[in-house]
Amino acid sequence: MQTNTISYTDDGLGLQNFVETVSFNVDIKDPCKTSAFSAVSLSAMTVIVGQQATQDFSEAVDSAETTYGTDSCGARSYSVVLQGDATLTPVNYVTV
């Protein structure tokens, strides 16, 4: 709330005060908190036993980045996970 007082002298009434009060709310939203991500697609992979394979993919884009510029929500990291029920378990290898 902001209050301002203006004082002036009125010849007939003497010193007069005019008080104006202004109230306002500031609502700050975090666009990263509610950002929607585009899906990341991976191609099928075949790996020979004892060897390793990598796959390049296009990085996910979020709606905040589209609006406010690249990396506006910071760097991302990716993990391979096993999805079991409601839990995601990080893995560093996949057993076939």
C-alpha atoms as a PDB file:
ATOM      1  CA  MET A   1       0.000   0.000   0.000  1.00  0.00           C
ATOM      2  CA  GLN A   2       1.306   3.425  -0.929  1.00  0.00           C
ATOM      3  CA  THR A   3       0.105   6.560   0.882  1.00  0.00           C
ATOM      4  CA  ASN A   4       0.849  10.065  -0.341  1.00  0.00           C
ATOM      5  CA  THR A   5      -0.034  13.273   1.483  1.00  0.00           C
ATOM      6  CA  ILE A   6      -0.327  16.628  -0.212  1.00  0.00           C
ATOM      7  CA  SER A   7      -0.408  19.652   2.082  1.00  0.00           C
ATOM      8  CA  TYR A   8      -1.479  23.090   0.897  1.00  0.00           C
ATOM      9  CA  THR A   9      -2.666  26.352   2.376  1.00  0.00           C
ATOM     10  CA  ASP A  10      -6.159  27.517   1.552  1.00  0.00           C
ATOM     11  CA  ASP A  11      -6.565  31.244   2.244  1.00  0.00           C
ATOM     12  CA  GLY A  12      -9.976  30.738   3.787  1.00  0.00           C
ATOM     13  CA  LEU A  13      -9.352  27.441   5.634  1.00  0.00           C
ATOM     14  CA  GLY A  14      -5.639  27.443   6.483  1.00  0.00           C
ATOM     15  CA  LEU A  15      -3.452  24.369   6.099  1.00  0.00           C
ATOM     16  CA  GLN A  16      -5.236  21.519   4.312  1.00  0.00           C
ATOM     17  CA  ASN A  17      -4.076  17.939   3.752  1.00  0.00           C
ATOM     18  CA  PHE A  18      -5.108  15.669   0.942  1.00  0.00           C
ATOM     19  CA  VAL A  19      -4.250  11.995   1.543  1.00  0.00           C
ATOM     20  CA  GLU A  20      -4.340   9.534  -1.354  1.00  0.00           C
ATOM     21  CA  THR A  21      -3.911   5.812  -0.681  1.00  0.00           C
ATOM     22  CA  VAL A  22      -3.268   3.375  -3.500  1.00  0.00           C
ATOM     23  CA  SER A  23      -3.301  -0.400  -3.019  1.00  0.00           C
ATOM     24  CA  PHE A  24      -2.139  -2.996  -5.503  1.00  0.00           C
ATOM     25  CA  ASN A  25      -1.126  -6.646  -5.656  1.00  0.00           C
ATOM     26  CA  VAL A  26       1.926  -7.944  -7.473  1.00  0.00           C
ATOM     27  CA  ASP A  27       1.593 -11.498  -8.767  1.00  0.00           C
ATOM     28  CA  ILE A  28       4.931 -12.981  -9.860  1.00  0.00           C
ATOM     29  CA  LYS A  29       4.700 -16.198 -11.836  1.00  0.00           C
ATOM     30  CA  ASP A  30       7.536 -18.605 -12.570  1.00  0.00           C
ATOM     31  CA  PRO A  31       7.167 -19.699 -16.204  1.00  0.00           C
ATOM     32  CA  CYS A  32       9.601 -22.567 -15.632  1.00  0.00           C
ATOM     33  CA  LYS A  33       7.436 -24.089 -12.905  1.00  0.00           C
ATOM     34  CA  THR A  34       4.469 -24.592 -15.236  1.00  0.00           C
ATOM     35  CA  SER A  35       6.384 -25.162 -18.473  1.00  0.00           C
ATOM     36  CA  ALA A  36       5.278 -27.923 -20.828  1.00  0.00           C
ATOM     37  CA  PHE A  37       8.002 -29.982 -22.526  1.00  0.00           C
ATOM     38  CA  SER A  38       7.981 -31.314 -26.051  1.00  0.00           C
ATOM     39  CA  ALA A  39       8.428 -35.080 -26.310  1.00  0.00           C
ATOM     40  CA  VAL A  40      11.882 -36.505 -26.991  1.00  0.00           C
ATOM     41  CA  SER A  41      11.902 -39.337 -29.537  1.00  0.00           C
ATOM     42  CA  LEU A  42      14.488 -42.074 -29.616  1.00  0.00           C
ATOM     43  CA  SER A  43      15.006 -44.470 -32.486  1.00  0.00           C
ATOM     44  CA  ALA A  44      15.153 -48.247 -32.039  1.00  0.00           C
ATOM     45  CA  MET A  45      18.683 -49.459 -31.227  1.00  0.00           C
ATOM     46  CA  THR A  46      20.534 -52.707 -31.787  1.00  0.00           C
ATOM     47  CA  VAL A  47      23.678 -53.414 -29.771  1.00  0.00           C
ATOM     48  CA  ILE A  48      26.086 -56.331 -30.160  1.00  0.00           C
ATOM     49  CA  VAL A  49      26.961 -58.068 -26.875  1.00  0.00           C
ATOM     50  CA  GLY A  50      30.116 -56.587 -25.374  1.00  0.00           C
ATOM     51  CA  GLN A  51      29.894 -53.370 -27.366  1.00  0.00           C
ATOM     52  CA  GLN A  52      28.181 -50.095 -26.669  1.00  0.00           C
ATOM     53  CA  ALA A  53      25.999 -47.765 -28.656  1.00  0.00           C
ATOM     54  CA  THR A  54      25.000 -44.132 -28.407  1.00  0.00           C
ATOM     55  CA  GLN A  55      22.121 -42.222 -29.858  1.00  0.00           C
ATOM     56  CA  ASP A  56      21.812 -38.553 -30.730  1.00  0.00           C
ATOM     57  CA  PHE A  57      18.467 -36.875 -30.204  1.00  0.00           C
ATOM     58  CA  SER A  58      16.986 -33.429 -30.477  1.00  0.00           C
ATOM     59  CA  GLU A  59      16.883 -31.724 -27.110  1.00  0.00           C
ATOM     60  CA  ALA A  60      13.509 -31.210 -25.484  1.00  0.00           C
ATOM     61  CA  VAL A  61      12.050 -27.723 -25.817  1.00  0.00           C
ATOM     62  CA  ASP A  62       9.844 -26.198 -23.130  1.00  0.00           C
ATOM     63  CA  SER A  63       7.191 -23.519 -23.455  1.00  0.00           C
ATOM     64  CA  ALA A  64       9.190 -21.013 -21.347  1.00  0.00           C
ATOM     65  CA  GLU A  65      12.159 -21.409 -23.686  1.00  0.00           C
ATOM     66  CA  THR A  66       9.909 -20.831 -26.690  1.00  0.00           C
ATOM     67  CA  THR A  67       8.602 -17.608 -25.123  1.00  0.00           C
ATOM     68  CA  TYR A  68      11.658 -16.221 -23.262  1.00  0.00           C
ATOM     69  CA  GLY A  69      14.649 -17.676 -25.128  1.00  0.00           C
ATOM     70  CA  THR A  70      17.021 -20.624 -25.032  1.00  0.00           C
ATOM     71  CA  ASP A  71      18.028 -21.913 -21.583  1.00  0.00           C
ATOM     72  CA  SER A  72      15.712 -19.485 -19.784  1.00  0.00           C
ATOM     73  CA  CYS A  73      15.002 -22.252 -17.236  1.00  0.00           C
ATOM     74  CA  GLY A  74      18.607 -23.439 -16.992  1.00  0.00           C
ATOM     75  CA  ALA A  75      20.507 -26.476 -18.212  1.00  0.00           C
ATOM     76  CA  ARG A  76      18.823 -29.864 -18.476  1.00  0.00           C
ATOM     77  CA  SER A  77      20.175 -33.316 -17.769  1.00  0.00           C
ATOM     78  CA  TYR A  78      18.815 -36.584 -19.089  1.00  0.00           C
ATOM     79  CA  SER A  79      18.705 -40.050 -17.526  1.00  0.00           C
ATOM     80  CA  VAL A  80      17.707 -43.501 -18.668  1.00  0.00           C
ATOM     81  CA  VAL A  81      15.217 -44.913 -16.191  1.00  0.00           C
ATOM     82  CA  LEU A  82      13.200 -48.056 -15.665  1.00  0.00           C
ATOM     83  CA  GLN A  83       9.564 -47.293 -15.029  1.00  0.00           C
ATOM     84  CA  GLY A  84       8.085 -49.658 -12.488  1.00  0.00           C
ATOM     85  CA  ASP A  85       4.617 -48.785 -11.251  1.00  0.00           C
ATOM     86  CA  ALA A  86       4.767 -45.167 -10.058  1.00  0.00           C
ATOM     87  CA  THR A  87       8.554 -45.126  -9.523  1.00  0.00           C
ATOM     88  CA  LEU A  88      11.362 -44.231 -11.893  1.00  0.00           C
ATOM     89  CA  THR A  89      14.636 -46.017 -11.172  1.00  0.00           C
ATOM     90  CA  PRO A  90      17.790 -44.570 -12.772  1.00  0.00           C
ATOM     91  CA  VAL A  91      19.956 -47.142 -14.575  1.00  0.00           C
ATOM     92  CA  ASN A  92      23.368 -46.997 -16.161  1.00  0.00           C
ATOM     93  CA  TYR A  93      22.822 -50.127 -18.226  1.00  0.00           C
ATOM     94  CA  VAL A  94      19.909 -52.038 -19.706  1.00  0.00           C
ATOM     95  CA  THR A  95      19.678 -55.807 -19.433  1.00  0.00           C
ATOM     96  CA  VAL A  96      18.184 -57.560 -22.431  1.00  0.00           C
END
